[in-house]
Amino acid sequence: MKIMLRIVQSLFITLALVACGGPAAAPPQTVELVITDPPAATQRIELPLGAEVTMRITTALKDHAHLHGYEIEEFTEPGETIVWEFTANMAGTYELESHVTDSIWANVIVS
């Protein structure tokens, strides 16, 4: 009986340590993008996996922005800012592009 009690205690302690030792939550991220005409070189945006993201995009032209992989897209108006809020919950590299000019504005890297 004492052996069984020790096994149960050991399992309980092990499970408690594993539960407490998980990774810390990623801090929220805010990304500000200003897209010029013509667009500048492709930007690199790095985001921690699990972060709550607010992406603010302002374009110089009427356009159609699309973040591949996360499948977020929206039409833009010159000088107006669109705001996307999402959780960076998929690791990988994703293109943020214009569906009007096919320019790749940014590579969004989630890791």
PDB file of N, CA and C in Angstrom:
ATOM      1  N   MET A   1       0.817  -1.197   0.000  1.00  0.00           N
ATOM      2  CA  MET A   1       0.000   0.000   0.000  1.00  0.00           C
ATOM      3  C   MET A   1       0.861   1.261   0.000  1.00  0.00           C
ATOM      4  N   LYS A   2       1.972   1.227   0.777  1.00  0.00           N
ATOM      5  CA  LYS A   2       2.856   2.392   0.820  1.00  0.00           C
ATOM      6  C   LYS A   2       3.485   2.657  -0.542  1.00  0.00           C
ATOM      7  N   ILE A   3       3.810   1.597  -1.279  1.00  0.00           N
ATOM      8  CA  ILE A   3       4.402   1.765  -2.605  1.00  0.00           C
ATOM      9  C   ILE A   3       3.403   2.444  -3.531  1.00  0.00           C
ATOM     10  N   MET A   4       2.162   2.019  -3.492  1.00  0.00           N
ATOM     11  CA  MET A   4       1.125   2.622  -4.329  1.00  0.00           C
ATOM     12  C   MET A   4       0.945   4.103  -3.985  1.00  0.00           C
ATOM     13  N   LEU A   5       0.958   4.437  -2.705  1.00  0.00           N
ATOM     14  CA  LEU A   5       0.831   5.824  -2.262  1.00  0.00           C
ATOM     15  C   LEU A   5       2.004   6.653  -2.781  1.00  0.00           C
ATOM     16  N   ARG A   6       3.199   6.131  -2.726  1.00  0.00           N
ATOM     17  CA  ARG A   6       4.388   6.851  -3.223  1.00  0.00           C
ATOM     18  C   ARG A   6       4.287   7.063  -4.742  1.00  0.00           C
ATOM     19  N   ILE A   7       3.798   6.084  -5.466  1.00  0.00           N
ATOM     20  CA  ILE A   7       3.642   6.223  -6.917  1.00  0.00           C
ATOM     21  C   ILE A   7       2.645   7.331  -7.233  1.00  0.00           C
ATOM     22  N   VAL A   8       1.529   7.323  -6.538  1.00  0.00           N
ATOM     23  CA  VAL A   8       0.510   8.358  -6.757  1.00  0.00           C
ATOM     24  C   VAL A   8       1.064   9.733  -6.411  1.00  0.00           C
ATOM     25  N   GLN A   9       1.801   9.854  -5.304  1.00  0.00           N
ATOM     26  CA  GLN A   9       2.399  11.138  -4.915  1.00  0.00           C
ATOM     27  C   GLN A   9       3.397  11.602  -5.980  1.00  0.00           C
ATOM     28  N   SER A  10       4.217  10.695  -6.481  1.00  0.00           N
ATOM     29  CA  SER A  10       5.207  11.042  -7.500  1.00  0.00           C
ATOM     30  C   SER A  10       4.526  11.520  -8.782  1.00  0.00           C
ATOM     31  N   LEU A  11       3.473  10.826  -9.179  1.00  0.00           N
ATOM     32  CA  LEU A  11       2.737  11.245 -10.376  1.00  0.00           C
ATOM     33  C   LEU A  11       2.106  12.621 -10.185  1.00  0.00           C
ATOM     34  N   PHE A  12       1.536  12.858  -9.026  1.00  0.00           N
ATOM     35  CA  PHE A  12       0.914  14.144  -8.734  1.00  0.00           C
ATOM     36  C   PHE A  12       1.944  15.265  -8.797  1.00  0.00           C
ATOM     37  N   ILE A  13       3.088  15.063  -8.178  1.00  0.00           N
ATOM     38  CA  ILE A  13       4.135  16.089  -8.183  1.00  0.00           C
ATOM     39  C   ILE A  13       4.639  16.330  -9.601  1.00  0.00           C
ATOM     40  N   THR A  14       4.839  15.278 -10.365  1.00  0.00           N
ATOM     41  CA  THR A  14       5.307  15.409 -11.743  1.00  0.00           C
ATOM     42  C   THR A  14       4.306  16.191 -12.580  1.00  0.00           C
ATOM     43  N   LEU A  15       3.034  15.847 -12.475  1.00  0.00           N
ATOM     44  CA  LEU A  15       2.005  16.559 -13.237  1.00  0.00           C
ATOM     45  C   LEU A  15       1.918  18.023 -12.823  1.00  0.00           C
ATOM     46  N   ALA A  16       2.035  18.313 -11.550  1.00  0.00           N
ATOM     47  CA  ALA A  16       1.992  19.692 -11.071  1.00  0.00           C
ATOM     48  C   ALA A  16       3.160  20.492 -11.629  1.00  0.00           C
ATOM     49  N   LEU A  17       4.337  19.918 -11.665  1.00  0.00           N
ATOM     50  CA  LEU A  17       5.505  20.623 -12.197  1.00  0.00           C
ATOM     51  C   LEU A  17       5.374  20.868 -13.690  1.00  0.00           C
ATOM     52  N   VAL A  18       4.869  19.897 -14.416  1.00  0.00           N
ATOM     53  CA  VAL A  18       4.688  20.063 -15.861  1.00  0.00           C
ATOM     54  C   VAL A  18       3.665  21.156 -16.133  1.00  0.00           C
ATOM     55  N   ALA A  19       2.576  21.173 -15.403  1.00  0.00           N
ATOM     56  CA  ALA A  19       1.526  22.173 -15.609  1.00  0.00           C
ATOM     57  C   ALA A  19       2.029  23.574 -15.316  1.00  0.00           C
ATOM     58  N   CYS A  20       2.882  23.738 -14.331  1.00  0.00           N
ATOM     59  CA  CYS A  20       3.394  25.060 -13.960  1.00  0.00           C
ATOM     60  C   CYS A  20       4.538  25.510 -14.850  1.00  0.00           C
ATOM     61  N   GLY A  21       5.162  24.590 -15.529  1.00  0.00           N
ATOM     62  CA  GLY A  21       6.351  24.922 -16.295  1.00  0.00           C
ATOM     63  C   GLY A  21       6.097  25.207 -17.756  1.00  0.00           C
ATOM     64  N   GLY A  22       4.853  25.483 -18.138  1.00  0.00           N
ATOM     65  CA  GLY A  22       4.545  25.773 -19.532  1.00  0.00           C
ATOM     66  C   GLY A  22       5.131  27.105 -19.960  1.00  0.00           C
ATOM     67  N   PRO A  23       5.205  27.337 -21.270  1.00  0.00           N
ATOM     68  CA  PRO A  23       5.794  28.580 -21.758  1.00  0.00           C
ATOM     69  C   PRO A  23       4.942  29.782 -21.365  1.00  0.00           C
ATOM     70  N   ALA A  24       5.612  30.886 -21.125  1.00  0.00           N
ATOM     71  CA  ALA A  24       4.906  32.123 -20.792  1.00  0.00           C
ATOM     72  C   ALA A  24       4.167  32.621 -22.036  1.00  0.00           C
ATOM     73  N   ALA A  25       3.064  33.276 -21.816  1.00  0.00           N
ATOM     74  CA  ALA A  25       2.297  33.815 -22.935  1.00  0.00           C
ATOM     75  C   ALA A  25       3.101  34.912 -23.630  1.00  0.00           C
ATOM     76  N   ALA A  26       3.007  34.940 -24.945  1.00  0.00           N
ATOM     77  CA  ALA A  26       3.707  35.967 -25.718  1.00  0.00           C
ATOM     78  C   ALA A  26       3.025  37.314 -25.474  1.00  0.00           C
ATOM     79  N   PRO A  27       3.800  38.386 -25.365  1.00  0.00           N
ATOM     80  CA  PRO A  27       3.206  39.706 -25.158  1.00  0.00           C
ATOM     81  C   PRO A  27       2.457  40.163 -26.410  1.00  0.00           C
ATOM     82  N   PRO A  28       1.445  41.010 -26.257  1.00  0.00           N
ATOM     83  CA  PRO A  28       0.714  41.530 -27.420  1.00  0.00           C
ATOM     84  C   PRO A  28       1.677  42.294 -28.340  1.00  0.00           C
ATOM     85  N   GLN A  29       1.379  42.274 -29.627  1.00  0.00           N
ATOM     86  CA  GLN A  29       2.222  42.920 -30.627  1.00  0.00           C
ATOM     87  C   GLN A  29       1.382  43.899 -31.438  1.00  0.00           C
ATOM     88  N   THR A  30       1.947  45.077 -31.706  1.00  0.00           N
ATOM     89  CA  THR A  30       1.313  46.045 -32.595  1.00  0.00           C
ATOM     90  C   THR A  30       2.257  46.297 -33.756  1.00  0.00           C
ATOM     91  N   VAL A  31       1.732  46.171 -34.966  1.00  0.00           N
ATOM     92  CA  VAL A  31       2.522  46.365 -36.180  1.00  0.00           C
ATOM     93  C   VAL A  31       1.909  47.529 -36.947  1.00  0.00           C
ATOM     94  N   GLU A  32       2.736  48.526 -37.276  1.00  0.00           N
ATOM     95  CA  GLU A  32       2.295  49.684 -38.059  1.00  0.00           C
ATOM     96  C   GLU A  32       2.951  49.609 -39.430  1.00  0.00           C
ATOM     97  N   LEU A  33       2.151  49.571 -40.486  1.00  0.00           N
ATOM     98  CA  LEU A  33       2.681  49.536 -41.849  1.00  0.00           C
ATOM     99  C   LEU A  33       2.132  50.709 -42.647  1.00  0.00           C
ATOM    100  N   VAL A  34       3.030  51.406 -43.322  1.00  0.00           N
ATOM    101  CA  VAL A  34       2.628  52.466 -44.243  1.00  0.00           C
ATOM    102  C   VAL A  34       3.127  52.033 -45.613  1.00  0.00           C
ATOM    103  N   ILE A  35       2.193  51.808 -46.518  1.00  0.00           N
ATOM    104  CA  ILE A  35       2.522  51.332 -47.856  1.00  0.00           C
ATOM    105  C   ILE A  35       2.517  52.521 -48.801  1.00  0.00           C
ATOM    106  N   THR A  36       3.677  52.781 -49.399  1.00  0.00           N
ATOM    107  CA  THR A  36       3.855  53.926 -50.286  1.00  0.00           C
ATOM    108  C   THR A  36       3.547  53.545 -51.733  1.00  0.00           C
ATOM    109  N   ASP A  37       3.554  54.557 -52.607  1.00  0.00           N
ATOM    110  CA  ASP A  37       3.357  54.340 -54.041  1.00  0.00           C
ATOM    111  C   ASP A  37       4.565  54.910 -54.773  1.00  0.00           C
ATOM    112  N   PRO A  38       5.417  54.081 -55.361  1.00  0.00           N
ATOM    113  CA  PRO A  38       5.380  52.620 -55.369  1.00  0.00           C
ATOM    114  C   PRO A  38       5.778  52.062 -53.998  1.00  0.00           C
ATOM    115  N   PRO A  39       5.411  50.798 -53.742  1.00  0.00           N
ATOM    116  CA  PRO A  39       5.737  50.196 -52.443  1.00  0.00           C
ATOM    117  C   PRO A  39       7.250  50.081 -52.243  1.00  0.00           C
ATOM    118  N   ALA A  40       7.661  50.223 -50.997  1.00  0.00           N
ATOM    119  CA  ALA A  40       9.071  50.043 -50.637  1.00  0.00           C
ATOM    120  C   ALA A  40       9.408  48.552 -50.714  1.00  0.00           C
ATOM    121  N   ALA A  41      10.660  48.226 -50.432  1.00  0.00           N
ATOM    122  CA  ALA A  41      11.084  46.825 -50.430  1.00  0.00           C
ATOM    123  C   ALA A  41      10.249  46.028 -49.426  1.00  0.00           C
ATOM    124  N   THR A  42      10.126  44.743 -49.679  1.00  0.00           N
ATOM    125  CA  THR A  42       9.368  43.851 -48.808  1.00  0.00           C
ATOM    126  C   THR A  42       9.924  43.920 -47.383  1.00  0.00           C
ATOM    127  N   GLN A  43       9.031  44.157 -46.425  1.00  0.00           N
ATOM    128  CA  GLN A  43       9.432  44.227 -45.022  1.00  0.00           C
ATOM    129  C   GLN A  43       9.410  42.837 -44.402  1.00  0.00           C
ATOM    130  N   ARG A  44      10.142  42.696 -43.314  1.00  0.00           N
ATOM    131  CA  ARG A  44      10.165  41.447 -42.541  1.00  0.00           C
ATOM    132  C   ARG A  44       9.560  41.761 -41.180  1.00  0.00           C
ATOM    133  N   ILE A  45       8.476  41.051 -40.852  1.00  0.00           N
ATOM    134  CA  ILE A  45       7.794  41.248 -39.572  1.00  0.00           C
ATOM    135  C   ILE A  45       7.863  39.932 -38.812  1.00  0.00           C
ATOM    136  N   GLU A  46       8.464  39.968 -37.635  1.00  0.00           N
ATOM    137  CA  GLU A  46       8.576  38.764 -36.818  1.00  0.00           C
ATOM    138  C   GLU A  46       7.616  38.863 -35.636  1.00  0.00           C
ATOM    139  N   LEU A  47       6.832  37.799 -35.449  1.00  0.00           N
ATOM    140  CA  LEU A  47       5.851  37.750 -34.370  1.00  0.00           C
ATOM    141  C   LEU A  47       6.049  36.476 -33.555  1.00  0.00           C
ATOM    142  N   PRO A  48       5.932  36.579 -32.226  1.00  0.00           N
ATOM    143  CA  PRO A  48       6.029  35.364 -31.421  1.00  0.00           C
ATOM    144  C   PRO A  48       4.742  34.544 -31.523  1.00  0.00           C
ATOM    145  N   LEU A  49       4.914  33.239 -31.595  1.00  0.00           N
ATOM    146  CA  LEU A  49       3.777  32.334 -31.658  1.00  0.00           C
ATOM    147  C   LEU A  49       2.886  32.544 -30.439  1.00  0.00           C
ATOM    148  N   GLY A  50       1.596  32.684 -30.669  1.00  0.00           N
ATOM    149  CA  GLY A  50       0.638  32.855 -29.586  1.00  0.00           C
ATOM    150  C   GLY A  50       0.313  34.301 -29.243  1.00  0.00           C
ATOM    151  N   ALA A  51       1.003  35.247 -29.859  1.00  0.00           N
ATOM    152  CA  ALA A  51       0.773  36.668 -29.541  1.00  0.00           C
ATOM    153  C   ALA A  51      -0.561  37.150 -30.102  1.00  0.00           C
ATOM    154  N   GLU A  52      -1.197  38.032 -29.356  1.00  0.00           N
ATOM    155  CA  GLU A  52      -2.354  38.764 -29.866  1.00  0.00           C
ATOM    156  C   GLU A  52      -1.786  39.927 -30.673  1.00  0.00           C
ATOM    157  N   VAL A  53      -2.188  40.034 -31.933  1.00  0.00           N
ATOM    158  CA  VAL A  53      -1.585  41.002 -32.847  1.00  0.00           C
ATOM    159  C   VAL A  53      -2.616  42.042 -33.262  1.00  0.00           C
ATOM    160  N   THR A  54      -2.195  43.298 -33.273  1.00  0.00           N
ATOM    161  CA  THR A  54      -2.950  44.382 -33.886  1.00  0.00           C
ATOM    162  C   THR A  54      -2.087  44.894 -35.029  1.00  0.00           C
ATOM    163  N   MET A  55      -2.582  44.750 -36.250  1.00  0.00           N
ATOM    164  CA  MET A  55      -1.852  45.201 -37.430  1.00  0.00           C
ATOM    165  C   MET A  55      -2.603  46.375 -38.027  1.00  0.00           C
ATOM    166  N   ARG A  56      -1.898  47.504 -38.139  1.00  0.00           N
ATOM    167  CA  ARG A  56      -2.479  48.730 -38.684  1.00  0.00           C
ATOM    168  C   ARG A  56      -1.797  49.012 -40.023  1.00  0.00           C
ATOM    169  N   ILE A  57      -2.590  49.063 -41.089  1.00  0.00           N
ATOM    170  CA  ILE A  57      -2.039  49.233 -42.439  1.00  0.00           C
ATOM    171  C   ILE A  57      -2.651  50.475 -43.073  1.00  0.00           C
ATOM    172  N   THR A  58      -1.772  51.366 -43.535  1.00  0.00           N
ATOM    173  CA  THR A  58      -2.198  52.566 -44.250  1.00  0.00           C
ATOM    174  C   THR A  58      -1.569  52.522 -45.630  1.00  0.00           C
ATOM    175  N   THR A  59      -2.381  52.668 -46.670  1.00  0.00           N
ATOM    176  CA  THR A  59      -1.867  52.596 -48.042  1.00  0.00           C
ATOM    177  C   THR A  59      -2.028  53.939 -48.751  1.00  0.00           C
ATOM    178  N   ALA A  60      -1.158  54.156 -49.731  1.00  0.00           N
ATOM    179  CA  ALA A  60      -1.211  55.388 -50.518  1.00  0.00           C
ATOM    180  C   ALA A  60      -2.223  55.289 -51.660  1.00  0.00           C
ATOM    181  N   LEU A  61      -2.620  54.068 -51.987  1.00  0.00           N
ATOM    182  CA  LEU A  61      -3.545  53.839 -53.098  1.00  0.00           C
ATOM    183  C   LEU A  61      -4.760  53.046 -52.653  1.00  0.00           C
ATOM    184  N   LYS A  62      -5.815  53.133 -53.437  1.00  0.00           N
ATOM    185  CA  LYS A  62      -6.944  52.222 -53.246  1.00  0.00           C
ATOM    186  C   LYS A  62      -6.410  50.830 -53.554  1.00  0.00           C
ATOM    187  N   ASP A  63      -6.614  49.889 -52.655  1.00  0.00           N
ATOM    188  CA  ASP A  63      -5.960  48.593 -52.812  1.00  0.00           C
ATOM    189  C   ASP A  63      -6.787  47.488 -52.173  1.00  0.00           C
ATOM    190  N   HIS A  64      -6.230  46.296 -52.171  1.00  0.00           N
ATOM    191  CA  HIS A  64      -6.861  45.135 -51.550  1.00  0.00           C
ATOM    192  C   HIS A  64      -5.750  44.366 -50.843  1.00  0.00           C
ATOM    193  N   ALA A  65      -5.679  44.482 -49.520  1.00  0.00           N
ATOM    194  CA  ALA A  65      -4.643  43.843 -48.718  1.00  0.00           C
ATOM    195  C   ALA A  65      -5.058  42.422 -48.363  1.00  0.00           C
ATOM    196  N   HIS A  66      -4.058  41.507 -48.355  1.00  0.00           N
ATOM    197  CA  HIS A  66      -4.341  40.106 -48.031  1.00  0.00           C
ATOM    198  C   HIS A  66      -3.162  39.513 -47.274  1.00  0.00           C
ATOM    199  N   LEU A  67      -3.430  38.943 -46.098  1.00  0.00           N
ATOM    200  CA  LEU A  67      -2.428  38.209 -45.328  1.00  0.00           C
ATOM    201  C   LEU A  67      -2.698  36.734 -45.561  1.00  0.00           C
ATOM    202  N   HIS A  68      -1.850  36.124 -46.387  1.00  0.00           N
ATOM    203  CA  HIS A  68      -2.009  34.705 -46.716  1.00  0.00           C
ATOM    204  C   HIS A  68      -1.853  33.845 -45.468  1.00  0.00           C
ATOM    205  N   GLY A  69      -2.406  32.669 -45.497  1.00  0.00           N
ATOM    206  CA  GLY A  69      -2.319  31.737 -44.369  1.00  0.00           C
ATOM    207  C   GLY A  69      -3.373  32.026 -43.321  1.00  0.00           C
ATOM    208  N   TYR A  70      -3.417  33.259 -42.862  1.00  0.00           N
ATOM    209  CA  TYR A  70      -4.439  33.667 -41.890  1.00  0.00           C
ATOM    210  C   TYR A  70      -5.725  34.072 -42.607  1.00  0.00           C
ATOM    211  N   GLU A  71      -5.634  34.233 -43.910  1.00  0.00           N
ATOM    212  CA  GLU A  71      -6.775  34.553 -44.772  1.00  0.00           C
ATOM    213  C   GLU A  71      -7.556  35.766 -44.274  1.00  0.00           C
ATOM    214  N   ILE A  72      -6.800  36.814 -43.982  1.00  0.00           N
ATOM    215  CA  ILE A  72      -7.396  38.101 -43.629  1.00  0.00           C
ATOM    216  C   ILE A  72      -7.213  38.995 -44.843  1.00  0.00           C
ATOM    217  N   GLU A  73      -8.292  39.607 -45.296  1.00  0.00           N
ATOM    218  CA  GLU A  73      -8.172  40.525 -46.418  1.00  0.00           C
ATOM    219  C   GLU A  73      -9.209  41.632 -46.307  1.00  0.00           C
ATOM    220  N   GLU A  74      -8.832  42.774 -46.889  1.00  0.00           N
ATOM    221  CA  GLU A  74      -9.712  43.934 -46.792  1.00  0.00           C
ATOM    222  C   GLU A  74      -9.320  44.954 -47.861  1.00  0.00           C
ATOM    223  N   PHE A  75     -10.324  45.653 -48.369  1.00  0.00           N
ATOM    224  CA  PHE A  75     -10.060  46.744 -49.300  1.00  0.00           C
ATOM    225  C   PHE A  75      -9.595  47.962 -48.516  1.00  0.00           C
ATOM    226  N   THR A  76      -8.708  48.735 -49.139  1.00  0.00           N
ATOM    227  CA  THR A  76      -8.169  49.928 -48.485  1.00  0.00           C
ATOM    228  C   THR A  76      -8.481  51.161 -49.317  1.00  0.00           C
ATOM    229  N   GLU A  77      -8.485  52.283 -48.649  1.00  0.00           N
ATOM    230  CA  GLU A  77      -8.645  53.585 -49.307  1.00  0.00           C
ATOM    231  C   GLU A  77      -7.386  54.409 -49.041  1.00  0.00           C
ATOM    232  N   PRO A  78      -6.992  55.261 -49.989  1.00  0.00           N
ATOM    233  CA  PRO A  78      -5.780  56.052 -49.815  1.00  0.00           C
ATOM    234  C   PRO A  78      -5.801  56.865 -48.510  1.00  0.00           C
ATOM    235  N   GLY A  79      -4.730  56.734 -47.730  1.00  0.00           N
ATOM    236  CA  GLY A  79      -4.587  57.518 -46.506  1.00  0.00           C
ATOM    237  C   GLY A  79      -5.380  57.018 -45.316  1.00  0.00           C
ATOM    238  N   GLU A  80      -6.263  56.064 -45.509  1.00  0.00           N
ATOM    239  CA  GLU A  80      -7.045  55.524 -44.396  1.00  0.00           C
ATOM    240  C   GLU A  80      -6.368  54.272 -43.851  1.00  0.00           C
ATOM    241  N   THR A  81      -6.511  54.045 -42.552  1.00  0.00           N
ATOM    242  CA  THR A  81      -5.874  52.914 -41.893  1.00  0.00           C
ATOM    243  C   THR A  81      -6.889  51.810 -41.643  1.00  0.00           C
ATOM    244  N   ILE A  82      -6.522  50.601 -42.057  1.00  0.00           N
ATOM    245  CA  ILE A  82      -7.330  49.437 -41.686  1.00  0.00           C
ATOM    246  C   ILE A  82      -6.650  48.776 -40.487  1.00  0.00           C
ATOM    247  N   VAL A  83      -7.434  48.155 -39.649  1.00  0.00           N
ATOM    248  CA  VAL A  83      -6.901  47.528 -38.442  1.00  0.00           C
ATOM    249  C   VAL A  83      -7.348  46.070 -38.419  1.00  0.00           C
ATOM    250  N   TRP A  84      -6.366  45.179 -38.302  1.00  0.00           N
ATOM    251  CA  TRP A  84      -6.639  43.758 -38.179  1.00  0.00           C
ATOM    252  C   TRP A  84      -6.188  43.300 -36.817  1.00  0.00           C
ATOM    253  N   GLU A  85      -7.018  42.530 -36.154  1.00  0.00           N
ATOM    254  CA  GLU A  85      -6.652  41.930 -34.872  1.00  0.00           C
ATOM    255  C   GLU A  85      -6.790  40.416 -35.009  1.00  0.00           C
ATOM    256  N   PHE A  86      -5.724  39.712 -34.652  1.00  0.00           N
ATOM    257  CA  PHE A  86      -5.739  38.258 -34.759  1.00  0.00           C
ATOM    258  C   PHE A  86      -4.720  37.672 -33.798  1.00  0.00           C
ATOM    259  N   THR A  87      -4.815  36.370 -33.602  1.00  0.00           N
ATOM    260  CA  THR A  87      -3.849  35.650 -32.778  1.00  0.00           C
ATOM    261  C   THR A  87      -2.860  34.964 -33.700  1.00  0.00           C
ATOM    262  N   ALA A  88      -1.577  35.179 -33.464  1.00  0.00           N
ATOM    263  CA  ALA A  88      -0.524  34.550 -34.263  1.00  0.00           C
ATOM    264  C   ALA A  88      -0.364  33.106 -33.791  1.00  0.00           C
ATOM    265  N   ASN A  89      -1.309  32.268 -34.185  1.00  0.00           N
ATOM    266  CA  ASN A  89      -1.360  30.902 -33.659  1.00  0.00           C
ATOM    267  C   ASN A  89      -0.901  29.838 -34.648  1.00  0.00           C
ATOM    268  N   MET A  90      -0.330  30.265 -35.787  1.00  0.00           N
ATOM    269  CA  MET A  90       0.185  29.316 -36.777  1.00  0.00           C
ATOM    270  C   MET A  90       1.621  29.687 -37.112  1.00  0.00           C
ATOM    271  N   ALA A  91       2.557  28.824 -36.756  1.00  0.00           N
ATOM    272  CA  ALA A  91       3.959  29.095 -37.063  1.00  0.00           C
ATOM    273  C   ALA A  91       4.180  29.011 -38.567  1.00  0.00           C
ATOM    274  N   GLY A  92       5.079  29.855 -39.063  1.00  0.00           N
ATOM    275  CA  GLY A  92       5.413  29.829 -40.482  1.00  0.00           C
ATOM    276  C   GLY A  92       5.676  31.219 -41.005  1.00  0.00           C
ATOM    277  N   THR A  93       5.855  31.315 -42.315  1.00  0.00           N
ATOM    278  CA  THR A  93       6.075  32.592 -42.989  1.00  0.00           C
ATOM    279  C   THR A  93       4.907  32.833 -43.933  1.00  0.00           C
ATOM    280  N   TYR A  94       4.329  34.015 -43.832  1.00  0.00           N
ATOM    281  CA  TYR A  94       3.122  34.345 -44.587  1.00  0.00           C
ATOM    282  C   TYR A  94       3.312  35.676 -45.305  1.00  0.00           C
ATOM    283  N   GLU A  95       2.884  35.745 -46.557  1.00  0.00           N
ATOM    284  CA  GLU A  95       2.997  36.977 -47.328  1.00  0.00           C
ATOM    285  C   GLU A  95       1.813  37.896 -47.060  1.00  0.00           C
ATOM    286  N   LEU A  96       2.133  39.163 -46.849  1.00  0.00           N
ATOM    287  CA  LEU A  96       1.132  40.215 -46.811  1.00  0.00           C
ATOM    288  C   LEU A  96       1.291  40.943 -48.139  1.00  0.00           C
ATOM    289  N   GLU A  97       0.257  40.898 -48.961  1.00  0.00           N
ATOM    290  CA  GLU A  97       0.411  41.429 -50.312  1.00  0.00           C
ATOM    291  C   GLU A  97      -0.777  42.260 -50.763  1.00  0.00           C
ATOM    292  N   SER A  98      -0.549  42.955 -51.869  1.00  0.00           N
ATOM    293  CA  SER A  98      -1.594  43.690 -52.565  1.00  0.00           C
ATOM    294  C   SER A  98      -2.205  42.782 -53.612  1.00  0.00           C
ATOM    295  N   HIS A  99      -3.521  42.728 -53.657  1.00  0.00           N
ATOM    296  CA  HIS A  99      -4.181  41.976 -54.719  1.00  0.00           C
ATOM    297  C   HIS A  99      -4.463  42.868 -55.924  1.00  0.00           C
ATOM    298  N   VAL A 100      -4.063  44.138 -55.842  1.00  0.00           N
ATOM    299  CA  VAL A 100      -4.201  45.044 -56.981  1.00  0.00           C
ATOM    300  C   VAL A 100      -2.910  45.059 -57.792  1.00  0.00           C
ATOM    301  N   THR A 101      -1.770  45.249 -57.112  1.00  0.00           N
ATOM    302  CA  THR A 101      -0.485  45.349 -57.809  1.00  0.00           C
ATOM    303  C   THR A 101       0.347  44.072 -57.707  1.00  0.00           C
ATOM    304  N   ASP A 102      -0.090  43.114 -56.889  1.00  0.00           N
ATOM    305  CA  ASP A 102       0.653  41.875 -56.609  1.00  0.00           C
ATOM    306  C   ASP A 102       1.974  42.131 -55.886  1.00  0.00           C
ATOM    307  N   SER A 103       2.158  43.316 -55.329  1.00  0.00           N
ATOM    308  CA  SER A 103       3.358  43.608 -54.548  1.00  0.00           C
ATOM    309  C   SER A 103       3.293  42.865 -53.220  1.00  0.00           C
ATOM    310  N   ILE A 104       4.423  42.328 -52.819  1.00  0.00           N
ATOM    311  CA  ILE A 104       4.510  41.708 -51.497  1.00  0.00           C
ATOM    312  C   ILE A 104       5.024  42.780 -50.543  1.00  0.00           C
ATOM    313  N   TRP A 105       4.162  43.223 -49.655  1.00  0.00           N
ATOM    314  CA  TRP A 105       4.504  44.302 -48.731  1.00  0.00           C
ATOM    315  C   TRP A 105       5.367  43.809 -47.575  1.00  0.00           C
ATOM    316  N   ALA A 106       5.071  42.570 -47.112  1.00  0.00           N
ATOM    317  CA  ALA A 106       5.810  42.057 -45.960  1.00  0.00           C
ATOM    318  C   ALA A 106       5.770  40.547 -45.930  1.00  0.00           C
ATOM    319  N   ASN A 107       6.814  39.981 -45.371  1.00  0.00           N
ATOM    320  CA  ASN A 107       6.808  38.571 -44.983  1.00  0.00           C
ATOM    321  C   ASN A 107       6.601  38.546 -43.491  1.00  0.00           C
ATOM    322  N   VAL A 108       5.518  37.943 -43.060  1.00  0.00           N
ATOM    323  CA  VAL A 108       5.177  37.858 -41.642  1.00  0.00           C
ATOM    324  C   VAL A 108       5.652  36.491 -41.153  1.00  0.00           C
ATOM    325  N   ILE A 109       6.591  36.514 -40.212  1.00  0.00           N
ATOM    326  CA  ILE A 109       7.207  35.285 -39.716  1.00  0.00           C
ATOM    327  C   ILE A 109       6.740  35.058 -38.287  1.00  0.00           C
ATOM    328  N   VAL A 110       6.036  33.952 -38.081  1.00  0.00           N
ATOM    329  CA  VAL A 110       5.512  33.601 -36.756  1.00  0.00           C
ATOM    330  C   VAL A 110       6.311  32.412 -36.242  1.00  0.00           C
ATOM    331  N   SER A 111       6.966  32.609 -35.088  1.00  0.00           N
ATOM    332  CA  SER A 111       7.756  31.506 -34.513  1.00  0.00           C
ATOM    333  C   SER A 111       7.810  31.610 -32.996  1.00  0.00           C
TER     334      SER A 111
END
